[in-house]
Amino acid sequence: MLVNIWAFSIPVEFRRARFCTEEEVRLNPDSHCITFDNWKSGIIDYYANGGGVQFDFTVEAGNKWVGS
């Protein structure tokens, strides 16, 4: 449960990211694809630069799980 609460406190671009290989990231630059190492570095930088907790419960536009 704590992991879920924490996940909603990090920036949206990290929460919505999908882990992929470096090759997949290179082939699909416009996707939400990111390597785990880049994701981890981004989270570390976020907290190193002040981070903070800002809960964001927004839903991505065009999400197939949300009705139109």
C-alpha atoms as a PDB file:
ATOM      1  CA  MET A   1       0.000   0.000   0.000  1.00  0.00           C
ATOM      2  CA  LEU A   2       2.843   2.412   0.775  1.00  0.00           C
ATOM      3  CA  VAL A   3       4.289   1.840  -2.688  1.00  0.00           C
ATOM      4  CA  ASN A   4       0.955   2.817  -4.253  1.00  0.00           C
ATOM      5  CA  ILE A   5       0.753   5.978  -2.167  1.00  0.00           C
ATOM      6  CA  TRP A   6       4.359   6.836  -3.055  1.00  0.00           C
ATOM      7  CA  ALA A   7       3.694   6.231  -6.766  1.00  0.00           C
ATOM      8  CA  PHE A   8       1.029   8.941  -6.821  1.00  0.00           C
ATOM      9  CA  SER A   9       3.448  11.420  -5.233  1.00  0.00           C
ATOM     10  CA  ILE A  10       6.112  11.282  -7.967  1.00  0.00           C
ATOM     11  CA  PRO A  11       5.848  13.271 -11.213  1.00  0.00           C
ATOM     12  CA  VAL A  12       3.413  11.927 -13.788  1.00  0.00           C
ATOM     13  CA  GLU A  13       6.091  11.240 -16.411  1.00  0.00           C
ATOM     14  CA  PHE A  14       7.707   8.700 -14.081  1.00  0.00           C
ATOM     15  CA  ARG A  15       4.444   7.159 -12.910  1.00  0.00           C
ATOM     16  CA  ARG A  16       3.136   6.634 -16.447  1.00  0.00           C
ATOM     17  CA  ALA A  17       6.438   5.385 -17.831  1.00  0.00           C
ATOM     18  CA  ARG A  18       6.689   1.916 -19.289  1.00  0.00           C
ATOM     19  CA  PHE A  19       9.966   0.063 -18.850  1.00  0.00           C
ATOM     20  CA  CYS A  20      11.616  -0.922 -22.123  1.00  0.00           C
ATOM     21  CA  THR A  21      15.007  -1.914 -23.446  1.00  0.00           C
ATOM     22  CA  GLU A  22      17.387   0.711 -24.832  1.00  0.00           C
ATOM     23  CA  GLU A  23      16.603  -0.513 -28.341  1.00  0.00           C
ATOM     24  CA  GLU A  24      12.836  -0.097 -27.823  1.00  0.00           C
ATOM     25  CA  VAL A  25      13.402   3.428 -26.495  1.00  0.00           C
ATOM     26  CA  ARG A  26      15.502   4.283 -29.542  1.00  0.00           C
ATOM     27  CA  LEU A  27      12.929   2.819 -31.967  1.00  0.00           C
ATOM     28  CA  ASN A  28       9.917   4.504 -30.269  1.00  0.00           C
ATOM     29  CA  PRO A  29      11.084   7.938 -29.080  1.00  0.00           C
ATOM     30  CA  ASP A  30       7.527   9.331 -28.750  1.00  0.00           C
ATOM     31  CA  SER A  31       6.248   6.571 -26.475  1.00  0.00           C
ATOM     32  CA  HIS A  32       6.208   6.546 -22.675  1.00  0.00           C
ATOM     33  CA  CYS A  33       9.058   4.053 -22.905  1.00  0.00           C
ATOM     34  CA  ILE A  34      12.064   4.437 -20.583  1.00  0.00           C
ATOM     35  CA  THR A  35      14.814   2.134 -19.377  1.00  0.00           C
ATOM     36  CA  PHE A  36      14.748   1.231 -15.700  1.00  0.00           C
ATOM     37  CA  ASP A  37      18.149   2.900 -15.176  1.00  0.00           C
ATOM     38  CA  ASN A  38      16.908   6.182 -16.695  1.00  0.00           C
ATOM     39  CA  TRP A  39      13.727   5.996 -14.620  1.00  0.00           C
ATOM     40  CA  LYS A  40      15.712   5.379 -11.436  1.00  0.00           C
ATOM     41  CA  SER A  41      18.109   8.247 -12.264  1.00  0.00           C
ATOM     42  CA  GLY A  42      15.154  10.552 -12.878  1.00  0.00           C
ATOM     43  CA  ILE A  43      13.609   9.683  -9.507  1.00  0.00           C
ATOM     44  CA  ILE A  44      16.959  10.234  -7.754  1.00  0.00           C
ATOM     45  CA  ASP A  45      17.377  13.618  -9.499  1.00  0.00           C
ATOM     46  CA  TYR A  46      13.801  14.571  -8.581  1.00  0.00           C
ATOM     47  CA  TYR A  47      14.462  14.027  -4.881  1.00  0.00           C
ATOM     48  CA  ALA A  48      17.998  15.510  -5.064  1.00  0.00           C
ATOM     49  CA  ASN A  49      16.504  18.734  -6.443  1.00  0.00           C
ATOM     50  CA  GLY A  50      13.985  19.094  -3.649  1.00  0.00           C
ATOM     51  CA  GLY A  51      11.368  16.595  -4.803  1.00  0.00           C
ATOM     52  CA  GLY A  52       8.525  16.872  -2.402  1.00  0.00           C
ATOM     53  CA  VAL A  53       5.179  15.200  -2.257  1.00  0.00           C
ATOM     54  CA  GLN A  54       2.535  16.504  -4.643  1.00  0.00           C
ATOM     55  CA  PHE A  55      -0.285  14.033  -5.081  1.00  0.00           C
ATOM     56  CA  ASP A  56      -1.579  13.942  -8.654  1.00  0.00           C
ATOM     57  CA  PHE A  57      -4.543  11.741  -9.515  1.00  0.00           C
ATOM     58  CA  THR A  58      -5.050  12.940 -13.087  1.00  0.00           C
ATOM     59  CA  VAL A  59      -5.858  10.433 -15.790  1.00  0.00           C
ATOM     60  CA  GLU A  60      -4.020  10.442 -19.095  1.00  0.00           C
ATOM     61  CA  ALA A  61      -6.155  11.640 -22.011  1.00  0.00           C
ATOM     62  CA  GLY A  62      -7.146   8.816 -24.333  1.00  0.00           C
ATOM     63  CA  ASN A  63      -6.692   6.147 -21.673  1.00  0.00           C
ATOM     64  CA  LYS A  64      -8.568   3.029 -22.837  1.00  0.00           C
ATOM     65  CA  TRP A  65      -9.721   2.285 -19.271  1.00  0.00           C
ATOM     66  CA  VAL A  66     -11.528   5.609 -18.861  1.00  0.00           C
ATOM     67  CA  GLY A  67     -14.792   6.326 -20.644  1.00  0.00           C
ATOM     68  CA  SER A  68     -14.997   9.174 -23.144  1.00  0.00           C
END
